Amino acid sequence: MIEKIRVRACDLRGISRLAIEATAGLTDLVEAMHHNIARAPGILGAPPAGPTRGITGLVYRSIRGVTRLVGSGIDVVLGQIDPLLGQQSTLPGREAGQAALNGVLGDYLANSGNPLAIPMGLRRDGQPVRLDALSPPPTGKLVVLVHGLCMNDLQWNRQGHNHGTALARDLGYTPVFLRYNSGRHISTNGRELADLLETVVKQWPVPLAELAIVGHSMGGLVSRSACHYGRLSGHDWPRHLRKLVFLGTPHHGAPLERGGHWVDILLGLSPYTAPLARLGKIRSAGITDLRHGNLLDEDWAGHDRFARAGDRRRPVPLPEGVRCYALAATLAKEERGNLADRLLGDGLVSVNSALGRHPDPNRTLGFPPARQWVGYGMNHLAVLGRPEAYEQIKQWLAA
């Protein structure tokens, strides 16, 4: 019974730090609302500056001080019992929960050194890949599968199907699965993936005839960013890249993030609701990058990512010399071609965004018609498990 509930010590430290920091953040939010309600001149207008004063201010400062003291004590205790707790976890859903947390708060976890932050790495069956001990033996055809926001490498398994495993069976690819912190900036993950692929290609145990990448959702943007930075760095791996498949990738952004951005703006209009806008601003850099589909550092560096602004992206074309394919999905049961169906898409990504279409010709990605496919009656995750989606991927990669 004890074995079944064993939790990694680093998980406990990470969770305790989040709880302490959340308490401190909530204290700041309540104090700001208290201050604004007490002093604001009207429903609209700029909120007054400064914290609460007098006895009220002392109470809030005391709460923050005690919170920090408790947090330090918990960290010390957990550090001492680390060896006793062990490093393995059998807590159900731990991997999925950690991936979701990283998607929402991943940049904060990484910047604060929280043990719950996921490091980038390649895995098979949930275990780190050792290139000198791959089983079955690797082939000269490598496919890297890159998951989306709030997901992990294990979630390519859907309804008994895994695109990577099926491609190994049907086309002789050796699949490896990227695991990464999807809350960091897409360009940050793109740079790191480019460096990782360079290492893998150089150390691949057999002569490498072909490299392919399959990216789902945000994973497609990370892959495009990696292609850009790989070529910019003069890496060797882009020369081996033959095919790049995008599954439900928001090449031109996702409507839900743009909607969340407008909620932030509306909350900030009144001093009474302005403190609540902080809740929306805890969402990660990875999520805000999805507003327009940022791929490069220049798309976000030096800008307030929560400020009202248009699409600042520098256009990034598809990588030259690589066969690129776009698979979109829509909840519509059949092709009707109306605007609602195109905007609705798979529930998260519109069909036009997934196919790289844009009103500005300079931003249109220009997938040839033969390299586009739309799955009807599918949601955003269904493309990972539906047989017809896999058949299309297989046909493209077998070409």
Protein backbone atom coordinates (compact mmCIF):
# COMPACT_ATOMS: atom_id res chain seq x y z
CA MET A 1 0.00 0.00 0.00
CA ILE A 2 2.84 2.41 0.83
CA GLU A 3 4.45 1.75 -2.55
CA LYS A 4 1.30 2.70 -4.43
CA ILE A 5 1.17 6.22 -3.01
CA ARG A 6 4.88 7.01 -3.10
CA VAL A 7 5.48 10.43 -4.64
CA ARG A 8 8.76 11.89 -5.82
CA ALA A 9 10.31 14.30 -3.37
CA CYS A 10 10.89 16.88 -6.11
CA ASP A 11 7.14 16.79 -6.84
CA LEU A 12 6.35 17.63 -3.23
CA ARG A 13 8.85 20.48 -3.21
CA GLY A 14 7.45 21.80 -6.48
CA ILE A 15 3.86 21.60 -5.28
CA SER A 16 4.69 23.25 -1.94
CA ARG A 17 6.45 26.13 -3.68
CA LEU A 18 3.47 26.65 -5.99
CA ALA A 19 1.09 26.66 -3.02
CA ILE A 20 3.17 29.21 -1.14
CA GLU A 21 3.58 31.44 -4.20
CA ALA A 22 -0.14 31.16 -5.00
CA THR A 23 -0.98 32.25 -1.44
CA ALA A 24 1.30 35.26 -1.75
CA GLY A 25 -0.15 36.13 -5.15
CA LEU A 26 -3.71 35.84 -3.88
CA THR A 27 -2.81 38.12 -0.98
CA ASP A 28 -1.54 40.73 -3.45
CA LEU A 29 -4.73 40.44 -5.51
CA VAL A 30 -7.05 40.82 -2.49
CA GLU A 31 -5.04 43.78 -1.20
CA ALA A 32 -5.26 45.49 -4.61
CA MET A 33 -9.04 45.01 -4.74
CA HIS A 34 -9.37 46.27 -1.15
CA HIS A 35 -7.34 49.37 -2.03
CA ASN A 36 -9.20 50.12 -5.24
CA ILE A 37 -12.66 49.64 -3.81
CA ALA A 38 -11.83 51.92 -0.88
CA ARG A 39 -10.34 54.72 -2.98
CA ALA A 40 -11.53 54.44 -6.61
CA PRO A 41 -13.52 57.46 -7.82
CA GLY A 42 -15.88 55.59 -10.13
CA ILE A 43 -16.64 52.43 -12.05
CA LEU A 44 -14.30 53.34 -14.91
CA GLY A 45 -10.95 55.04 -14.82
CA ALA A 46 -7.40 54.24 -13.88
CA PRO A 47 -6.97 52.44 -10.53
CA PRO A 48 -5.07 54.42 -7.90
CA ALA A 49 -1.44 53.48 -7.39
CA GLY A 50 0.20 52.06 -4.29
CA PRO A 51 -0.56 49.38 -1.68
CA THR A 52 -2.87 49.73 1.29
CA ARG A 53 -1.58 51.67 4.27
CA GLY A 54 -1.87 51.76 8.05
CA ILE A 55 -3.22 48.77 9.96
CA THR A 56 -4.66 47.24 6.76
CA GLY A 57 -1.30 47.39 5.04
CA LEU A 58 0.39 45.87 8.09
CA VAL A 59 -2.01 42.92 8.00
CA TYR A 60 -1.25 42.17 4.34
CA ARG A 61 2.52 42.52 4.88
CA SER A 62 2.30 40.14 7.82
CA ILE A 63 0.47 37.54 5.76
CA ARG A 64 3.14 37.69 3.07
CA GLY A 65 5.94 37.46 5.63
CA VAL A 66 4.47 34.40 7.34
CA THR A 67 3.83 32.76 3.98
CA ARG A 68 7.49 33.16 2.94
CA LEU A 69 8.68 31.82 6.30
CA VAL A 70 6.47 28.73 6.06
CA GLY A 71 7.62 28.11 2.50
CA SER A 72 11.28 28.19 3.47
CA GLY A 73 10.65 25.72 6.29
CA ILE A 74 8.83 23.27 4.00
CA ASP A 75 11.69 23.41 1.48
CA VAL A 76 14.25 22.59 4.18
CA VAL A 77 12.24 19.65 5.55
CA LEU A 78 11.55 18.13 2.13
CA GLY A 79 15.21 18.45 1.21
CA GLN A 80 16.13 16.38 4.28
CA ILE A 81 13.61 13.59 3.64
CA ASP A 82 14.31 13.45 -0.11
CA PRO A 83 16.26 10.15 0.13
CA LEU A 84 13.48 8.54 2.17
CA LEU A 85 10.74 9.38 -0.35
CA GLY A 86 12.62 7.93 -3.31
CA GLN A 87 12.57 9.14 -6.87
CA GLN A 88 9.84 6.98 -8.42
CA SER A 89 6.18 7.92 -8.57
CA THR A 90 3.18 5.69 -9.13
CA LEU A 91 0.64 8.45 -8.59
CA PRO A 92 -2.07 7.96 -11.27
CA GLY A 93 -2.14 10.72 -13.87
CA ARG A 94 1.09 12.32 -12.67
CA GLU A 95 2.56 12.66 -16.18
CA ALA A 96 -0.60 14.18 -17.65
CA GLY A 97 -1.06 16.52 -14.69
CA GLN A 98 2.53 17.73 -14.83
CA ALA A 99 2.25 18.30 -18.60
CA ALA A 100 -0.95 20.34 -18.16
CA LEU A 101 0.64 22.40 -15.37
CA ASN A 102 3.67 23.10 -17.55
CA GLY A 103 1.43 24.21 -20.39
CA VAL A 104 -0.31 26.77 -18.18
CA LEU A 105 2.60 27.89 -15.97
CA GLY A 106 5.66 26.37 -17.61
CA ASP A 107 7.63 29.58 -18.14
CA TYR A 108 7.15 30.50 -14.47
CA LEU A 109 8.14 27.02 -13.32
CA ALA A 110 11.31 27.13 -15.41
CA ASN A 111 12.29 30.67 -14.41
CA SER A 112 11.72 30.00 -10.71
CA GLY A 113 13.65 26.72 -10.75
CA ASN A 114 10.59 24.73 -9.70
CA PRO A 115 11.24 20.94 -9.83
CA LEU A 116 7.93 20.45 -11.65
CA ALA A 117 9.31 22.16 -14.79
CA ILE A 118 9.74 19.56 -17.54
CA PRO A 119 13.18 19.41 -19.20
CA MET A 120 13.28 18.76 -22.94
CA GLY A 121 14.22 15.25 -24.00
CA LEU A 122 13.42 12.36 -26.31
CA ARG A 123 11.55 9.37 -24.91
CA ARG A 124 10.19 5.96 -25.86
CA ASP A 125 7.49 4.27 -23.77
CA GLY A 126 7.81 7.02 -21.19
CA GLN A 127 11.55 6.47 -20.69
CA PRO A 128 14.50 8.60 -21.85
CA VAL A 129 15.96 7.45 -25.18
CA ARG A 130 19.45 5.98 -25.13
CA LEU A 131 20.74 6.04 -28.68
CA ASP A 132 23.21 3.23 -27.96
CA ALA A 133 20.52 0.94 -26.57
CA LEU A 134 17.45 1.37 -28.78
CA SER A 135 15.20 -1.65 -29.00
CA PRO A 136 14.27 -2.83 -31.54
CA PRO A 137 17.49 -1.81 -33.35
CA PRO A 138 17.18 1.58 -35.11
CA THR A 139 16.71 1.91 -38.86
CA GLY A 140 17.99 4.61 -41.19
CA LYS A 141 14.56 6.27 -41.12
CA LEU A 142 13.93 8.44 -38.05
CA VAL A 143 10.61 10.11 -37.22
CA VAL A 144 10.36 12.58 -34.35
CA LEU A 145 6.87 13.19 -32.93
CA VAL A 146 6.31 16.54 -31.18
CA HIS A 147 3.25 16.92 -28.93
CA GLY A 148 1.11 20.00 -28.39
CA LEU A 149 0.27 22.40 -25.58
CA CYS A 150 -0.36 20.88 -22.12
CA MET A 151 0.41 17.40 -23.45
CA ASN A 152 3.29 14.92 -23.25
CA ASP A 153 4.91 12.11 -25.20
CA LEU A 154 2.61 9.44 -23.72
CA GLN A 155 -0.50 11.11 -25.11
CA TRP A 156 0.25 10.03 -28.65
CA ASN A 157 -1.45 6.81 -27.49
CA ARG A 158 -5.14 7.18 -28.26
CA GLN A 159 -7.74 4.42 -28.34
CA GLY A 160 -5.09 1.75 -28.76
CA HIS A 161 -3.36 3.61 -31.61
CA ASN A 162 -0.06 5.49 -31.76
CA HIS A 163 1.03 7.21 -34.98
CA GLY A 164 4.70 6.58 -34.21
CA THR A 165 4.28 2.89 -33.46
CA ALA A 166 2.13 2.44 -36.56
CA LEU A 167 4.72 4.18 -38.77
CA ALA A 168 7.38 1.83 -37.43
CA ARG A 169 5.20 -1.15 -38.29
CA ASP A 170 4.06 0.01 -41.72
CA LEU A 171 6.95 2.08 -43.10
CA GLY A 172 10.01 1.02 -41.12
CA TYR A 173 10.55 4.29 -39.26
CA THR A 174 12.21 4.41 -35.85
CA PRO A 175 9.97 6.69 -33.78
CA VAL A 176 11.15 8.89 -30.90
CA PHE A 177 8.86 11.20 -28.96
CA LEU A 178 9.78 14.69 -27.79
CA ARG A 179 8.80 15.72 -24.27
CA TYR A 180 9.08 19.41 -23.45
CA ASN A 181 7.76 22.27 -21.33
CA SER A 182 5.00 23.68 -23.56
CA GLY A 183 4.58 26.79 -21.40
CA ARG A 184 7.89 28.30 -22.49
CA HIS A 185 8.08 30.53 -25.55
CA ILE A 186 7.76 28.59 -28.79
CA SER A 187 11.01 30.10 -30.04
CA THR A 188 12.82 29.02 -26.86
CA ASN A 189 11.67 25.45 -27.38
CA GLY A 190 12.44 25.73 -31.10
CA ARG A 191 16.08 26.67 -30.42
CA GLU A 192 16.48 23.84 -27.93
CA LEU A 193 14.88 21.31 -30.27
CA ALA A 194 17.23 22.39 -33.07
CA ASP A 195 20.24 21.75 -30.82
CA LEU A 196 18.82 18.42 -29.66
CA LEU A 197 18.20 17.21 -33.23
CA GLU A 198 21.75 18.14 -34.16
CA THR A 199 23.04 15.90 -31.37
CA VAL A 200 20.71 13.04 -32.31
CA VAL A 201 21.61 13.11 -36.00
CA LYS A 202 25.33 13.14 -35.23
CA GLN A 203 25.01 10.23 -32.78
CA TRP A 204 22.45 8.12 -34.67
CA PRO A 205 23.80 4.54 -34.49
CA VAL A 206 23.29 3.71 -38.21
CA PRO A 207 23.62 5.79 -41.40
CA LEU A 208 20.63 8.13 -41.49
CA ALA A 209 18.78 8.08 -44.81
CA GLU A 210 15.77 10.14 -43.79
CA LEU A 211 14.51 12.35 -40.97
CA ALA A 212 10.79 13.18 -40.68
CA ILE A 213 8.94 15.23 -38.09
CA VAL A 214 5.26 14.95 -37.14
CA GLY A 215 4.04 17.87 -35.03
CA HIS A 216 0.63 18.09 -33.38
CA SER A 217 -0.84 21.53 -32.62
CA MET A 218 1.83 23.68 -30.91
CA GLY A 219 4.32 20.92 -31.73
CA GLY A 220 4.11 21.96 -35.38
CA LEU A 221 5.05 25.54 -34.50
CA VAL A 222 7.95 24.36 -32.35
CA SER A 223 9.12 22.23 -35.29
CA ARG A 224 8.95 25.16 -37.73
CA SER A 225 10.86 27.30 -35.26
CA ALA A 226 13.49 24.55 -34.90
CA CYS A 227 13.91 24.44 -38.70
CA HIS A 228 14.52 28.18 -38.77
CA TYR A 229 17.06 28.16 -35.93
CA GLY A 230 18.73 24.98 -37.18
CA ARG A 231 19.48 26.58 -40.53
CA LEU A 232 20.45 29.88 -38.87
CA SER A 233 22.97 28.01 -36.71
CA GLY A 234 24.41 26.08 -39.64
CA HIS A 235 23.31 22.74 -38.23
CA ASP A 236 23.66 19.56 -40.23
CA TRP A 237 20.31 17.97 -39.34
CA PRO A 238 18.15 20.13 -41.69
CA ARG A 239 19.94 18.47 -44.63
CA HIS A 240 18.50 15.12 -43.49
CA LEU A 241 14.96 16.46 -43.00
CA ARG A 242 12.79 15.15 -45.83
CA LYS A 243 9.21 15.50 -44.59
CA LEU A 244 7.34 17.63 -42.08
CA VAL A 245 3.72 16.82 -41.19
CA PHE A 246 1.52 19.29 -39.29
CA LEU A 247 -1.55 17.99 -37.45
CA GLY A 248 -4.00 20.71 -36.43
CA THR A 249 -1.19 23.27 -36.13
CA PRO A 250 -2.34 26.89 -35.55
CA HIS A 251 0.06 28.43 -38.06
CA HIS A 252 -1.73 31.78 -37.76
CA GLY A 253 -2.89 31.52 -34.17
CA ALA A 254 -5.81 30.14 -32.18
CA PRO A 255 -9.09 32.02 -31.55
CA LEU A 256 -9.29 31.03 -27.87
CA GLU A 257 -6.06 32.85 -26.96
CA ARG A 258 -7.22 35.94 -28.84
CA GLY A 259 -10.49 35.75 -26.89
CA GLY A 260 -8.58 35.48 -23.61
CA HIS A 261 -6.57 38.56 -24.57
CA TRP A 262 -9.77 40.60 -25.00
CA VAL A 263 -11.01 39.43 -21.58
CA ASP A 264 -7.80 40.86 -20.06
CA ILE A 265 -8.43 44.20 -21.75
CA LEU A 266 -12.08 44.39 -20.62
CA LEU A 267 -11.21 43.53 -17.01
CA GLY A 268 -8.62 46.30 -17.00
CA LEU A 269 -11.16 48.99 -17.87
CA SER A 270 -12.48 49.31 -14.31
CA PRO A 271 -10.45 49.79 -11.12
CA TYR A 272 -12.78 47.34 -9.40
CA THR A 273 -12.04 44.51 -11.83
CA ALA A 274 -8.46 45.46 -12.78
CA PRO A 275 -6.89 43.23 -10.08
CA LEU A 276 -8.77 40.25 -11.54
CA ALA A 277 -6.95 40.79 -14.84
CA ARG A 278 -3.89 39.41 -13.03
CA LEU A 279 -5.52 35.98 -13.06
CA GLY A 280 -5.53 35.99 -16.86
CA LYS A 281 -1.92 37.10 -16.88
CA ILE A 282 -0.66 33.99 -15.15
CA ARG A 283 -1.05 32.08 -18.41
CA SER A 284 2.23 31.01 -19.91
CA ALA A 285 4.37 32.50 -22.65
CA GLY A 286 3.60 29.42 -24.73
CA ILE A 287 -0.12 30.15 -24.58
CA THR A 288 0.23 33.83 -25.46
CA ASP A 289 2.48 32.87 -28.39
CA LEU A 290 -0.56 31.06 -29.79
CA ARG A 291 -2.46 34.35 -30.21
CA HIS A 292 -0.90 34.79 -33.65
CA GLY A 293 1.49 31.83 -33.91
CA ASN A 294 4.82 33.37 -32.88
CA LEU A 295 7.88 31.40 -34.01
CA LEU A 296 10.82 33.73 -33.40
CA ASP A 297 12.34 35.62 -30.49
CA GLU A 298 11.76 38.86 -32.41
CA ASP A 299 8.01 38.22 -32.38
CA TRP A 300 7.80 38.75 -28.61
CA ALA A 301 11.10 40.13 -27.28
CA GLY A 302 10.84 43.67 -25.95
CA HIS A 303 7.03 43.67 -25.97
CA ASP A 304 4.42 43.28 -23.24
CA ARG A 305 2.80 40.02 -24.29
CA PHE A 306 -0.44 40.99 -22.55
CA ALA A 307 -0.70 44.44 -24.17
CA ARG A 308 -3.19 45.12 -26.93
CA ALA A 309 -1.29 44.85 -30.21
CA GLY A 310 -1.62 43.50 -33.71
CA ASP A 311 0.23 40.66 -35.38
CA ARG A 312 3.93 41.54 -35.11
CA ARG A 313 5.26 38.26 -36.50
CA ARG A 314 8.07 38.19 -38.98
CA PRO A 315 6.88 35.92 -41.82
CA VAL A 316 8.65 32.54 -41.76
CA PRO A 317 8.15 30.43 -44.90
CA LEU A 318 8.10 26.65 -44.88
CA PRO A 319 11.63 25.19 -44.91
CA GLU A 320 13.12 24.88 -48.38
CA GLY A 321 13.75 21.40 -49.77
CA VAL A 322 11.33 19.76 -47.31
CA ARG A 323 8.00 18.22 -48.26
CA CYS A 324 5.52 19.84 -45.86
CA TYR A 325 1.99 18.57 -45.28
CA ALA A 326 -0.95 20.12 -43.41
CA LEU A 327 -3.76 18.11 -41.86
CA ALA A 328 -6.71 20.12 -40.53
CA ALA A 329 -9.86 18.95 -38.77
CA THR A 330 -13.34 20.37 -38.39
CA LEU A 331 -16.30 19.50 -36.20
CA ALA A 332 -18.55 19.84 -39.25
CA LYS A 333 -19.78 16.46 -40.44
CA GLU A 334 -19.35 17.26 -44.13
CA GLU A 335 -17.85 19.87 -46.39
CA ARG A 336 -20.20 22.82 -46.61
CA GLY A 337 -17.71 25.60 -47.17
CA ASN A 338 -19.50 28.15 -45.00
CA LEU A 339 -17.67 30.69 -42.84
CA ALA A 340 -18.87 29.23 -39.52
CA ASP A 341 -17.35 25.83 -40.29
CA ARG A 342 -14.04 27.34 -41.33
CA LEU A 343 -13.83 29.48 -38.19
CA LEU A 344 -14.98 26.71 -35.84
CA GLY A 345 -12.46 24.23 -37.12
CA ASP A 346 -11.62 21.44 -34.70
CA GLY A 347 -12.81 23.42 -31.68
CA LEU A 348 -9.41 25.00 -31.03
CA VAL A 349 -7.82 25.70 -34.42
CA SER A 350 -9.59 27.02 -37.50
CA VAL A 351 -9.24 25.19 -40.81
CA ASN A 352 -7.59 28.19 -42.45
CA SER A 353 -5.00 28.48 -39.69
CA ALA A 354 -4.24 24.75 -39.82
CA LEU A 355 -3.79 24.91 -43.60
CA GLY A 356 -1.58 27.99 -43.41
CA ARG A 357 -4.00 30.28 -45.23
CA HIS A 358 -3.87 34.02 -44.50
CA PRO A 359 -5.39 37.18 -46.06
CA ASP A 360 -1.86 38.56 -46.38
CA PRO A 361 -0.11 36.71 -49.25
CA ASN A 362 3.25 37.23 -47.50
CA ARG A 363 2.03 35.14 -44.56
CA THR A 364 0.29 32.40 -46.56
CA LEU A 365 2.33 29.20 -46.31
CA GLY A 366 1.25 27.81 -49.64
CA PHE A 367 0.87 24.09 -49.03
CA PRO A 368 0.17 22.49 -52.44
CA PRO A 369 -3.40 21.11 -52.65
CA ALA A 370 -2.08 17.53 -52.74
CA ARG A 371 -0.38 18.15 -49.39
CA GLN A 372 -3.51 19.39 -47.62
CA TRP A 373 -6.22 17.27 -46.04
CA VAL A 374 -9.28 18.08 -43.94
CA GLY A 375 -10.85 15.54 -41.62
CA TYR A 376 -14.58 16.04 -41.04
CA GLY A 377 -16.36 15.27 -37.79
CA MET A 378 -13.07 15.44 -35.86
CA ASN A 379 -11.98 17.50 -32.88
CA HIS A 380 -8.48 18.70 -32.08
CA LEU A 381 -7.39 15.48 -30.35
CA ALA A 382 -9.16 13.07 -32.69
CA VAL A 383 -6.44 13.54 -35.31
CA LEU A 384 -4.17 11.54 -33.00
CA GLY A 385 -6.34 8.43 -33.09
CA ARG A 386 -8.70 8.40 -36.07
CA PRO A 387 -7.79 5.72 -38.66
CA GLU A 388 -8.48 7.99 -41.62
CA ALA A 389 -6.09 10.62 -40.25
CA TYR A 390 -3.37 8.00 -39.87
CA GLU A 391 -3.94 6.65 -43.36
CA GLN A 392 -3.36 10.13 -44.77
CA ILE A 393 -0.16 10.57 -42.73
CA LYS A 394 1.06 7.16 -43.87
CA GLN A 395 0.32 7.98 -47.51
CA TRP A 396 2.30 11.21 -47.27
CA LEU A 397 5.30 9.67 -45.55
CA ALA A 398 5.33 6.69 -47.93
CA ALA A 399 5.44 8.96 -50.99
